[in-house]
Amino acid sequence: MELFPSLIDSGEGRGYNDNSMISFKIGDRIIYPNQGLGIIEAINQEAFNGESFLIYHLRILANNALILVPSSSAEEIGIRKLIPERSIKEIFDYIKNGDVEVSMNWKGRYKEHVNLMKTGTILDMVAVLKSLYYLSRLKPLSFREKKMMEKARELVVAEIAMASSVSTDQIDRKLTHSLSSCFKNTKPGLDV
C-alpha cells in the first residue's frame, strides 16, 4: 500500500505536479523549503542582462521576508503549494503507526535529516520529526538534532494548520498526542 496516496496522486506533497511545471498566481499560499509558509504577493516580468524573466515575489510569513524567485527555478528550489486538506488524516495516521527508520551513525543520520529538510516536502519533514522524536524518547538529542526536530515540528504544524484552517495550538497538541501514543512503549537507553 502506498503511503499518502492523495499527496502522491496530486503531486502536492512532493512539490511538483506530474503533468506540468508548477505555476502560481498572486495570493497562492506556498511552502518554501526550510523556511515555511509564504504567500505569492506579486508576479512580475523583469529584465536582467537583456533577458526577461517571470519573477515570483514571495512573502515568508514566519519572518516577513520578501524573496524573489524566478519562475523557472521554483520547482528546482522545491517551492510548492500547500498539501490538500484531505491528506491531513493520512499524515496523522502515518505519525501514529510505529514504523520509524533511525540510522545508528549520528553523522549519517544528521546528514540524511538535513537532506530531507531541504526537500521541503511534508512527507520528508514528518519523517524527520518522527525519527527525531523517537530518538528523543531513547536518549537526549544533540543540540543540532534538537533544533532540527523543533524546526521540523514548526514547519509541519504550520502547514497542517494553514491547510486545515485549524489553530497551530490545536495542531501542535494533536501532533504531540499522536507522537506520544505512537512511542508510548519506547524504553530509554538504546545506544543510537
N, C-alpha and C. Protein backbone atom coordinates (compact mmCIF):
# COMPACT_ATOMS: atom_id res chain seq x y z
N MET A 1 0.84 -1.18 0.00
CA MET A 1 0.00 0.00 0.00
C MET A 1 0.88 1.25 0.00
N GLU A 2 0.57 2.19 -0.83
CA GLU A 2 1.33 3.43 -0.96
C GLU A 2 0.98 4.38 0.18
N LEU A 3 2.01 4.89 0.87
CA LEU A 3 1.77 5.90 1.88
C LEU A 3 1.34 7.18 1.19
N PHE A 4 0.40 7.88 1.77
CA PHE A 4 -0.04 9.20 1.31
C PHE A 4 -0.50 9.19 -0.15
N PRO A 5 -1.44 8.32 -0.53
CA PRO A 5 -1.85 8.28 -1.93
C PRO A 5 -2.44 9.60 -2.43
N SER A 6 -3.16 10.34 -1.59
CA SER A 6 -3.75 11.59 -2.08
C SER A 6 -2.69 12.65 -2.32
N LEU A 7 -1.59 12.60 -1.57
CA LEU A 7 -0.49 13.54 -1.82
C LEU A 7 0.25 13.17 -3.08
N ILE A 8 0.47 11.89 -3.27
CA ILE A 8 1.24 11.43 -4.42
C ILE A 8 0.43 11.61 -5.70
N ASP A 9 -0.87 11.29 -5.65
CA ASP A 9 -1.71 11.47 -6.82
C ASP A 9 -1.77 12.92 -7.26
N SER A 10 -1.87 13.83 -6.28
CA SER A 10 -2.00 15.25 -6.62
C SER A 10 -0.65 15.90 -6.90
N GLY A 11 0.43 15.28 -6.43
CA GLY A 11 1.74 15.89 -6.58
C GLY A 11 2.03 16.96 -5.55
N GLU A 12 1.06 17.28 -4.69
CA GLU A 12 1.21 18.39 -3.75
C GLU A 12 2.30 18.13 -2.71
N GLY A 13 2.38 16.93 -2.17
CA GLY A 13 3.32 16.67 -1.09
C GLY A 13 4.76 16.62 -1.56
N ARG A 14 4.96 16.39 -2.83
CA ARG A 14 6.32 16.29 -3.35
C ARG A 14 6.81 17.61 -3.93
N GLY A 15 5.91 18.57 -4.10
CA GLY A 15 6.33 19.87 -4.59
C GLY A 15 6.27 19.99 -6.11
N TYR A 16 5.64 19.06 -6.78
CA TYR A 16 5.51 19.16 -8.23
C TYR A 16 4.20 18.57 -8.66
N ASN A 17 3.82 18.88 -9.85
CA ASN A 17 2.64 18.30 -10.47
C ASN A 17 3.16 17.51 -11.66
N ASP A 18 2.86 16.24 -11.70
CA ASP A 18 3.42 15.37 -12.73
C ASP A 18 3.07 15.79 -14.15
N ASN A 19 1.96 16.53 -14.33
CA ASN A 19 1.51 16.87 -15.66
C ASN A 19 2.22 18.07 -16.26
N SER A 20 2.73 18.98 -15.45
CA SER A 20 3.35 20.18 -16.00
C SER A 20 4.19 20.87 -14.94
N MET A 21 4.92 21.90 -15.38
CA MET A 21 5.69 22.72 -14.45
C MET A 21 4.71 23.38 -13.48
N ILE A 22 5.15 23.60 -12.26
CA ILE A 22 4.27 24.28 -11.33
C ILE A 22 4.16 25.74 -11.72
N SER A 23 3.01 26.30 -11.47
CA SER A 23 2.83 27.73 -11.67
C SER A 23 1.93 28.23 -10.55
N PHE A 24 2.16 29.45 -10.19
CA PHE A 24 1.43 30.04 -9.09
C PHE A 24 0.73 31.30 -9.57
N LYS A 25 -0.23 31.74 -8.77
CA LYS A 25 -0.89 33.01 -9.04
C LYS A 25 -0.82 33.86 -7.77
N ILE A 26 -1.03 35.13 -7.91
CA ILE A 26 -0.99 36.04 -6.77
C ILE A 26 -2.01 35.57 -5.73
N GLY A 27 -1.56 35.52 -4.47
CA GLY A 27 -2.43 35.09 -3.38
C GLY A 27 -2.27 33.62 -3.01
N ASP A 28 -1.59 32.84 -3.86
CA ASP A 28 -1.38 31.42 -3.53
C ASP A 28 -0.55 31.29 -2.26
N ARG A 29 -0.95 30.37 -1.40
CA ARG A 29 -0.18 30.03 -0.22
C ARG A 29 0.78 28.92 -0.63
N ILE A 30 2.04 29.10 -0.28
CA ILE A 30 3.07 28.16 -0.72
C ILE A 30 3.93 27.74 0.46
N ILE A 31 4.73 26.71 0.21
CA ILE A 31 5.75 26.26 1.15
C ILE A 31 7.10 26.49 0.49
N TYR A 32 7.98 27.18 1.19
CA TYR A 32 9.35 27.39 0.73
C TYR A 32 10.21 26.49 1.61
N PRO A 33 10.96 25.54 1.03
CA PRO A 33 11.72 24.57 1.83
C PRO A 33 12.56 25.22 2.93
N ASN A 34 12.44 24.65 4.10
CA ASN A 34 13.19 25.05 5.30
C ASN A 34 12.85 26.45 5.79
N GLN A 35 11.96 27.16 5.11
CA GLN A 35 11.53 28.49 5.55
C GLN A 35 10.09 28.48 6.03
N GLY A 36 9.27 27.66 5.38
CA GLY A 36 7.89 27.54 5.81
C GLY A 36 6.89 28.20 4.89
N LEU A 37 5.80 28.63 5.50
CA LEU A 37 4.68 29.19 4.76
C LEU A 37 5.01 30.53 4.15
N GLY A 38 4.46 30.74 2.97
CA GLY A 38 4.60 32.02 2.30
C GLY A 38 3.40 32.28 1.43
N ILE A 39 3.35 33.50 0.90
CA ILE A 39 2.26 33.90 0.01
C ILE A 39 2.89 34.56 -1.21
N ILE A 40 2.34 34.26 -2.38
CA ILE A 40 2.77 34.92 -3.60
C ILE A 40 2.13 36.32 -3.59
N GLU A 41 2.95 37.35 -3.42
CA GLU A 41 2.43 38.72 -3.36
C GLU A 41 2.34 39.36 -4.73
N ALA A 42 3.26 39.01 -5.61
CA ALA A 42 3.27 39.61 -6.94
C ALA A 42 3.98 38.67 -7.90
N ILE A 43 3.67 38.82 -9.17
CA ILE A 43 4.35 38.10 -10.24
C ILE A 43 4.66 39.14 -11.30
N ASN A 44 5.94 39.36 -11.53
CA ASN A 44 6.35 40.41 -12.47
C ASN A 44 7.29 39.86 -13.53
N GLN A 45 7.21 40.46 -14.70
CA GLN A 45 8.17 40.20 -15.76
C GLN A 45 9.30 41.18 -15.55
N GLU A 46 10.52 40.67 -15.32
CA GLU A 46 11.65 41.55 -15.04
C GLU A 46 12.81 41.21 -15.96
N ALA A 47 13.58 42.24 -16.31
CA ALA A 47 14.71 42.06 -17.23
C ALA A 47 16.01 42.05 -16.43
N PHE A 48 16.92 41.18 -16.87
CA PHE A 48 18.26 41.11 -16.28
C PHE A 48 19.22 40.68 -17.37
N ASN A 49 20.29 41.45 -17.57
CA ASN A 49 21.28 41.16 -18.62
C ASN A 49 20.63 40.92 -19.98
N GLY A 50 19.64 41.71 -20.32
CA GLY A 50 19.00 41.61 -21.62
C GLY A 50 18.00 40.48 -21.77
N GLU A 51 17.80 39.68 -20.72
CA GLU A 51 16.83 38.59 -20.77
C GLU A 51 15.65 38.94 -19.88
N SER A 52 14.50 38.43 -20.24
CA SER A 52 13.28 38.68 -19.48
C SER A 52 12.91 37.43 -18.67
N PHE A 53 12.57 37.64 -17.41
CA PHE A 53 12.23 36.53 -16.51
C PHE A 53 10.91 36.82 -15.81
N LEU A 54 10.14 35.77 -15.58
CA LEU A 54 8.94 35.86 -14.76
C LEU A 54 9.40 35.62 -13.32
N ILE A 55 9.15 36.58 -12.43
CA ILE A 55 9.65 36.52 -11.06
C ILE A 55 8.48 36.47 -10.08
N TYR A 56 8.53 35.48 -9.17
CA TYR A 56 7.57 35.40 -8.07
C TYR A 56 8.10 36.22 -6.90
N HIS A 57 7.26 37.04 -6.33
CA HIS A 57 7.59 37.78 -5.11
C HIS A 57 6.91 37.04 -3.96
N LEU A 58 7.70 36.35 -3.14
CA LEU A 58 7.18 35.51 -2.06
C LEU A 58 7.38 36.20 -0.72
N ARG A 59 6.35 36.26 0.08
CA ARG A 59 6.46 36.79 1.44
C ARG A 59 6.44 35.59 2.38
N ILE A 60 7.53 35.39 3.12
CA ILE A 60 7.62 34.31 4.11
C ILE A 60 6.92 34.80 5.38
N LEU A 61 5.92 34.07 5.83
CA LEU A 61 5.09 34.53 6.94
C LEU A 61 5.81 34.51 8.28
N ALA A 62 6.72 33.58 8.49
CA ALA A 62 7.38 33.44 9.79
C ALA A 62 8.23 34.66 10.15
N ASN A 63 8.87 35.27 9.14
CA ASN A 63 9.77 36.39 9.43
C ASN A 63 9.51 37.62 8.56
N ASN A 64 8.44 37.58 7.76
CA ASN A 64 8.03 38.69 6.90
C ASN A 64 9.06 39.01 5.81
N ALA A 65 9.95 38.09 5.51
CA ALA A 65 10.96 38.31 4.47
C ALA A 65 10.33 38.25 3.09
N LEU A 66 10.81 39.08 2.19
CA LEU A 66 10.39 39.05 0.80
C LEU A 66 11.50 38.38 0.00
N ILE A 67 11.14 37.34 -0.75
CA ILE A 67 12.11 36.61 -1.55
C ILE A 67 11.65 36.66 -3.00
N LEU A 68 12.56 36.97 -3.90
CA LEU A 68 12.27 36.99 -5.33
C LEU A 68 12.81 35.71 -5.95
N VAL A 69 11.95 34.98 -6.64
CA VAL A 69 12.34 33.70 -7.21
C VAL A 69 11.91 33.65 -8.68
N PRO A 70 12.85 33.40 -9.59
CA PRO A 70 12.45 33.21 -10.99
C PRO A 70 11.52 31.99 -11.10
N SER A 71 10.47 32.13 -11.88
CA SER A 71 9.52 31.01 -12.00
C SER A 71 10.21 29.75 -12.50
N SER A 72 11.24 29.91 -13.31
CA SER A 72 11.95 28.74 -13.85
C SER A 72 12.74 27.99 -12.78
N SER A 73 12.98 28.62 -11.63
CA SER A 73 13.73 27.99 -10.54
C SER A 73 12.84 27.47 -9.42
N ALA A 74 11.57 27.80 -9.44
CA ALA A 74 10.68 27.46 -8.32
C ALA A 74 10.63 25.95 -8.05
N GLU A 75 10.51 25.16 -9.10
CA GLU A 75 10.42 23.71 -8.92
C GLU A 75 11.74 23.15 -8.39
N GLU A 76 12.85 23.61 -8.94
CA GLU A 76 14.16 23.14 -8.51
C GLU A 76 14.41 23.46 -7.03
N ILE A 77 13.99 24.63 -6.61
CA ILE A 77 14.14 25.04 -5.21
C ILE A 77 13.25 24.20 -4.31
N GLY A 78 12.12 23.74 -4.86
CA GLY A 78 11.19 22.93 -4.07
C GLY A 78 9.99 23.70 -3.58
N ILE A 79 9.78 24.89 -4.10
CA ILE A 79 8.60 25.67 -3.72
C ILE A 79 7.37 24.92 -4.22
N ARG A 80 6.39 24.82 -3.36
CA ARG A 80 5.20 24.05 -3.72
C ARG A 80 3.97 24.62 -3.05
N LYS A 81 2.83 24.17 -3.50
CA LYS A 81 1.56 24.56 -2.89
C LYS A 81 1.38 23.77 -1.59
N LEU A 82 0.47 24.24 -0.75
CA LEU A 82 0.15 23.53 0.49
C LEU A 82 -0.42 22.15 0.16
N ILE A 83 -0.31 21.25 1.12
CA ILE A 83 -0.94 19.94 0.96
C ILE A 83 -2.46 20.13 0.92
N PRO A 84 -3.16 19.24 0.24
CA PRO A 84 -4.62 19.32 0.27
C PRO A 84 -5.14 18.88 1.64
N GLU A 85 -6.23 19.47 2.07
CA GLU A 85 -6.79 19.16 3.39
C GLU A 85 -7.11 17.67 3.54
N ARG A 86 -7.49 17.03 2.46
CA ARG A 86 -7.86 15.60 2.53
C ARG A 86 -6.67 14.71 2.91
N SER A 87 -5.46 15.22 2.82
CA SER A 87 -4.26 14.43 3.13
C SER A 87 -3.86 14.47 4.60
N ILE A 88 -4.46 15.35 5.36
CA ILE A 88 -4.05 15.54 6.75
C ILE A 88 -4.28 14.28 7.58
N LYS A 89 -5.40 13.61 7.39
CA LYS A 89 -5.67 12.37 8.13
C LYS A 89 -4.59 11.32 7.84
N GLU A 90 -4.18 11.21 6.59
CA GLU A 90 -3.13 10.25 6.22
C GLU A 90 -1.82 10.56 6.95
N ILE A 91 -1.51 11.83 7.07
CA ILE A 91 -0.28 12.23 7.75
C ILE A 91 -0.33 11.83 9.21
N PHE A 92 -1.44 12.11 9.87
CA PHE A 92 -1.56 11.73 11.29
C PHE A 92 -1.60 10.21 11.45
N ASP A 93 -2.21 9.50 10.51
CA ASP A 93 -2.19 8.03 10.57
C ASP A 93 -0.75 7.51 10.48
N TYR A 94 0.06 8.11 9.59
CA TYR A 94 1.46 7.71 9.47
C TYR A 94 2.23 8.01 10.75
N ILE A 95 1.98 9.16 11.33
CA ILE A 95 2.66 9.53 12.58
C ILE A 95 2.32 8.55 13.69
N LYS A 96 1.08 8.10 13.73
CA LYS A 96 0.63 7.19 14.79
C LYS A 96 1.16 5.77 14.64
N ASN A 97 1.49 5.35 13.40
CA ASN A 97 1.97 3.98 13.26
C ASN A 97 3.40 3.89 13.80
N GLY A 98 3.84 2.73 14.19
CA GLY A 98 5.12 2.57 14.87
C GLY A 98 6.35 2.54 13.99
N ASP A 99 6.17 2.61 12.68
CA ASP A 99 7.32 2.50 11.77
C ASP A 99 8.19 3.74 11.84
N VAL A 100 9.48 3.52 12.08
CA VAL A 100 10.44 4.61 12.08
C VAL A 100 11.80 4.05 11.70
N GLU A 101 12.51 4.79 10.87
CA GLU A 101 13.86 4.38 10.47
C GLU A 101 14.86 5.32 11.12
N VAL A 102 15.82 4.74 11.83
CA VAL A 102 16.83 5.54 12.51
C VAL A 102 18.20 4.95 12.21
N SER A 103 19.06 5.79 11.67
CA SER A 103 20.43 5.36 11.40
C SER A 103 21.20 5.30 12.71
N MET A 104 22.04 4.32 12.86
CA MET A 104 22.84 4.18 14.07
C MET A 104 24.01 5.17 14.10
N ASN A 105 24.46 5.62 12.95
CA ASN A 105 25.57 6.55 12.85
C ASN A 105 25.02 7.98 12.92
N TRP A 106 25.34 8.73 13.98
CA TRP A 106 24.73 10.05 14.17
C TRP A 106 25.11 11.03 13.08
N LYS A 107 26.34 10.95 12.54
CA LYS A 107 26.74 11.86 11.46
C LYS A 107 25.93 11.57 10.19
N GLY A 108 25.79 10.29 9.86
CA GLY A 108 25.00 9.91 8.70
C GLY A 108 23.53 10.27 8.88
N ARG A 109 23.04 10.05 10.08
CA ARG A 109 21.65 10.37 10.40
C ARG A 109 21.40 11.87 10.25
N TYR A 110 22.32 12.68 10.78
CA TYR A 110 22.16 14.13 10.71
C TYR A 110 22.17 14.60 9.24
N LYS A 111 23.11 14.07 8.46
CA LYS A 111 23.20 14.45 7.05
C LYS A 111 21.93 14.06 6.30
N GLU A 112 21.42 12.86 6.58
CA GLU A 112 20.19 12.41 5.94
C GLU A 112 19.03 13.32 6.30
N HIS A 113 18.95 13.69 7.58
CA HIS A 113 17.87 14.58 8.02
C HIS A 113 17.98 15.96 7.39
N VAL A 114 19.19 16.48 7.27
CA VAL A 114 19.40 17.78 6.62
C VAL A 114 18.90 17.71 5.18
N ASN A 115 19.26 16.66 4.48
CA ASN A 115 18.83 16.50 3.09
C ASN A 115 17.31 16.38 2.97
N LEU A 116 16.68 15.67 3.89
CA LEU A 116 15.22 15.57 3.88
C LEU A 116 14.57 16.92 4.14
N MET A 117 15.13 17.70 5.06
CA MET A 117 14.57 19.02 5.36
C MET A 117 14.69 19.95 4.16
N LYS A 118 15.75 19.82 3.40
CA LYS A 118 15.96 20.69 2.23
C LYS A 118 14.93 20.45 1.14
N THR A 119 14.36 19.26 1.07
CA THR A 119 13.37 18.98 0.02
C THR A 119 12.11 19.81 0.21
N GLY A 120 11.76 20.08 1.47
CA GLY A 120 10.57 20.87 1.74
C GLY A 120 9.27 20.12 1.65
N THR A 121 9.32 18.82 1.35
CA THR A 121 8.05 18.08 1.25
C THR A 121 7.55 17.75 2.64
N ILE A 122 6.26 17.74 2.78
CA ILE A 122 5.65 17.42 4.07
C ILE A 122 6.02 15.99 4.48
N LEU A 123 6.11 15.10 3.52
CA LEU A 123 6.44 13.71 3.82
C LEU A 123 7.82 13.60 4.46
N ASP A 124 8.78 14.32 3.91
CA ASP A 124 10.14 14.26 4.43
C ASP A 124 10.25 14.95 5.80
N MET A 125 9.55 16.07 5.97
CA MET A 125 9.58 16.76 7.27
C MET A 125 8.94 15.91 8.36
N VAL A 126 7.86 15.23 8.04
CA VAL A 126 7.21 14.34 9.01
C VAL A 126 8.14 13.18 9.35
N ALA A 127 8.84 12.64 8.36
CA ALA A 127 9.79 11.54 8.62
C ALA A 127 10.90 11.99 9.55
N VAL A 128 11.43 13.20 9.34
CA VAL A 128 12.48 13.73 10.22
C VAL A 128 11.93 13.93 11.63
N LEU A 129 10.77 14.54 11.73
CA LEU A 129 10.16 14.78 13.04
C LEU A 129 9.93 13.48 13.79
N LYS A 130 9.37 12.51 13.12
CA LYS A 130 9.06 11.24 13.76
C LYS A 130 10.34 10.52 14.21
N SER A 131 11.34 10.51 13.35
CA SER A 131 12.61 9.86 13.67
C SER A 131 13.27 10.53 14.88
N LEU A 132 13.32 11.86 14.88
CA LEU A 132 13.98 12.57 15.98
C LEU A 132 13.16 12.49 17.28
N TYR A 133 11.86 12.49 17.15
CA TYR A 133 11.03 12.33 18.34
C TYR A 133 11.29 10.96 18.97
N TYR A 134 11.33 9.94 18.13
CA TYR A 134 11.62 8.59 18.60
C TYR A 134 12.98 8.55 19.31
N LEU A 135 13.99 9.14 18.69
CA LEU A 135 15.32 9.17 19.31
C LEU A 135 15.29 9.91 20.64
N SER A 136 14.52 10.99 20.71
CA SER A 136 14.46 11.78 21.95
C SER A 136 13.85 10.99 23.09
N ARG A 137 13.06 9.97 22.76
CA ARG A 137 12.48 9.10 23.79
C ARG A 137 13.51 8.10 24.30
N LEU A 138 14.54 7.85 23.50
CA LEU A 138 15.56 6.87 23.87
C LEU A 138 16.74 7.50 24.60
N LYS A 139 17.07 8.72 24.20
CA LYS A 139 18.24 9.38 24.77
C LYS A 139 18.15 10.88 24.49
N PRO A 140 18.92 11.67 25.20
CA PRO A 140 18.91 13.11 24.91
C PRO A 140 19.47 13.38 23.51
N LEU A 141 18.81 14.26 22.79
CA LEU A 141 19.30 14.62 21.45
C LEU A 141 20.45 15.62 21.57
N SER A 142 21.30 15.62 20.56
CA SER A 142 22.34 16.64 20.48
C SER A 142 21.65 17.99 20.25
N PHE A 143 22.37 19.06 20.47
CA PHE A 143 21.82 20.40 20.26
C PHE A 143 21.31 20.55 18.83
N ARG A 144 22.10 20.11 17.84
CA ARG A 144 21.70 20.21 16.43
C ARG A 144 20.44 19.42 16.13
N GLU A 145 20.38 18.19 16.64
CA GLU A 145 19.20 17.37 16.38
C GLU A 145 17.97 17.93 17.08
N LYS A 146 18.15 18.48 18.26
CA LYS A 146 17.03 19.09 18.98
C LYS A 146 16.49 20.28 18.18
N LYS A 147 17.39 21.12 17.65
CA LYS A 147 16.98 22.27 16.84
C LYS A 147 16.27 21.81 15.56
N MET A 148 16.79 20.75 14.95
CA MET A 148 16.17 20.25 13.73
C MET A 148 14.78 19.69 14.02
N MET A 149 14.63 18.99 15.13
CA MET A 149 13.31 18.47 15.49
C MET A 149 12.33 19.62 15.72
N GLU A 150 12.78 20.67 16.39
CA GLU A 150 11.92 21.83 16.61
C GLU A 150 11.52 22.48 15.29
N LYS A 151 12.46 22.60 14.36
CA LYS A 151 12.18 23.22 13.06
C LYS A 151 11.20 22.36 12.26
N ALA A 152 11.44 21.05 12.23
CA ALA A 152 10.54 20.15 11.51
C ALA A 152 9.13 20.24 12.09
N ARG A 153 9.04 20.25 13.40
CA ARG A 153 7.74 20.34 14.07
C ARG A 153 7.05 21.66 13.72
N GLU A 154 7.80 22.75 13.79
CA GLU A 154 7.25 24.07 13.46
C GLU A 154 6.70 24.10 12.03
N LEU A 155 7.46 23.56 11.08
CA LEU A 155 7.04 23.57 9.68
C LEU A 155 5.82 22.67 9.44
N VAL A 156 5.81 21.49 10.05
CA VAL A 156 4.69 20.57 9.89
C VAL A 156 3.42 21.16 10.50
N VAL A 157 3.54 21.69 11.72
CA VAL A 157 2.38 22.27 12.39
C VAL A 157 1.83 23.44 11.59
N ALA A 158 2.70 24.32 11.13
CA ALA A 158 2.25 25.50 10.39
C ALA A 158 1.52 25.11 9.11
N GLU A 159 2.07 24.14 8.37
CA GLU A 159 1.43 23.75 7.12
C GLU A 159 0.09 23.07 7.35
N ILE A 160 0.04 22.16 8.30
CA ILE A 160 -1.23 21.47 8.57
C ILE A 160 -2.28 22.46 9.07
N ALA A 161 -1.87 23.38 9.93
CA ALA A 161 -2.80 24.39 10.45
C ALA A 161 -3.36 25.24 9.31
N MET A 162 -2.49 25.68 8.41
CA MET A 162 -2.94 26.51 7.28
C MET A 162 -3.83 25.72 6.34
N ALA A 163 -3.47 24.47 6.06
CA ALA A 163 -4.24 23.64 5.13
C ALA A 163 -5.61 23.27 5.70
N SER A 164 -5.70 23.18 7.03
CA SER A 164 -6.95 22.74 7.65
C SER A 164 -7.76 23.87 8.26
N SER A 165 -7.19 25.06 8.30
CA SER A 165 -7.83 26.22 8.94
C SER A 165 -8.12 25.95 10.42
N VAL A 166 -7.22 25.23 11.06
CA VAL A 166 -7.29 24.94 12.50
C VAL A 166 -6.10 25.64 13.13
N SER A 167 -6.24 26.07 14.38
CA SER A 167 -5.17 26.83 15.02
C SER A 167 -3.89 25.98 15.17
N THR A 168 -2.76 26.67 15.17
CA THR A 168 -1.49 25.96 15.34
C THR A 168 -1.44 25.29 16.71
N ASP A 169 -2.03 25.89 17.74
CA ASP A 169 -2.05 25.26 19.07
C ASP A 169 -2.79 23.92 19.04
N GLN A 170 -3.92 23.88 18.36
CA GLN A 170 -4.68 22.62 18.27
C GLN A 170 -3.90 21.57 17.50
N ILE A 171 -3.29 21.96 16.40
CA ILE A 171 -2.50 21.01 15.60
C ILE A 171 -1.30 20.53 16.40
N ASP A 172 -0.64 21.44 17.12
CA ASP A 172 0.51 21.06 17.93
C ASP A 172 0.12 20.04 19.00
N ARG A 173 -1.01 20.26 19.65
CA ARG A 173 -1.48 19.31 20.66
C ARG A 173 -1.80 17.95 20.03
N LYS A 174 -2.45 17.96 18.88
CA LYS A 174 -2.77 16.70 18.19
C LYS A 174 -1.49 15.97 17.77
N LEU A 175 -0.52 16.73 17.29
CA LEU A 175 0.76 16.14 16.88
C LEU A 175 1.46 15.52 18.08
N THR A 176 1.50 16.23 19.20
CA THR A 176 2.12 15.72 20.42
C THR A 176 1.42 14.43 20.86
N HIS A 177 0.11 14.44 20.84
CA HIS A 177 -0.65 13.24 21.23
C HIS A 177 -0.35 12.07 20.29
N SER A 178 -0.30 12.33 18.99
CA SER A 178 -0.04 11.27 18.01
C SER A 178 1.35 10.67 18.19
N LEU A 179 2.35 11.53 18.36
CA LEU A 179 3.72 11.04 18.57
C LEU A 179 3.84 10.29 19.89
N SER A 180 3.25 10.83 20.94
CA SER A 180 3.32 10.18 22.26
C SER A 180 2.66 8.82 22.24
N SER A 181 1.50 8.72 21.61
CA SER A 181 0.81 7.43 21.59
C SER A 181 1.55 6.42 20.71
N CYS A 182 2.21 6.91 19.67
CA CYS A 182 2.98 6.01 18.80
C CYS A 182 4.13 5.36 19.56
N PHE A 183 4.82 6.15 20.38
CA PHE A 183 6.02 5.67 21.04
C PHE A 183 5.86 5.50 22.55
N LYS A 184 4.63 5.26 23.00
CA LYS A 184 4.37 5.16 24.45
C LYS A 184 5.10 3.99 25.10
N ASN A 185 5.43 2.96 24.35
CA ASN A 185 6.10 1.79 24.93
C ASN A 185 7.61 1.81 24.72
N THR A 186 8.14 2.93 24.21
CA THR A 186 9.58 3.04 23.96
C THR A 186 10.31 3.23 25.28
N LYS A 187 11.34 2.43 25.47
CA LYS A 187 12.13 2.47 26.70
C LYS A 187 13.44 3.21 26.44
N PRO A 188 13.83 4.14 27.31
CA PRO A 188 15.10 4.84 27.15
C PRO A 188 16.28 3.88 27.26
N GLY A 189 17.42 4.32 26.69
CA GLY A 189 18.64 3.57 26.90
C GLY A 189 19.23 2.91 25.70
N LEU A 190 18.53 2.88 24.55
CA LEU A 190 19.10 2.28 23.35
C LEU A 190 20.28 3.14 22.90
N ASP A 191 21.37 2.53 22.55
CA ASP A 191 22.56 3.28 22.14
C ASP A 191 22.50 3.53 20.63
N VAL A 192 22.01 4.72 20.26
CA VAL A 192 21.96 5.10 18.84
C VAL A 192 22.69 6.40 18.63
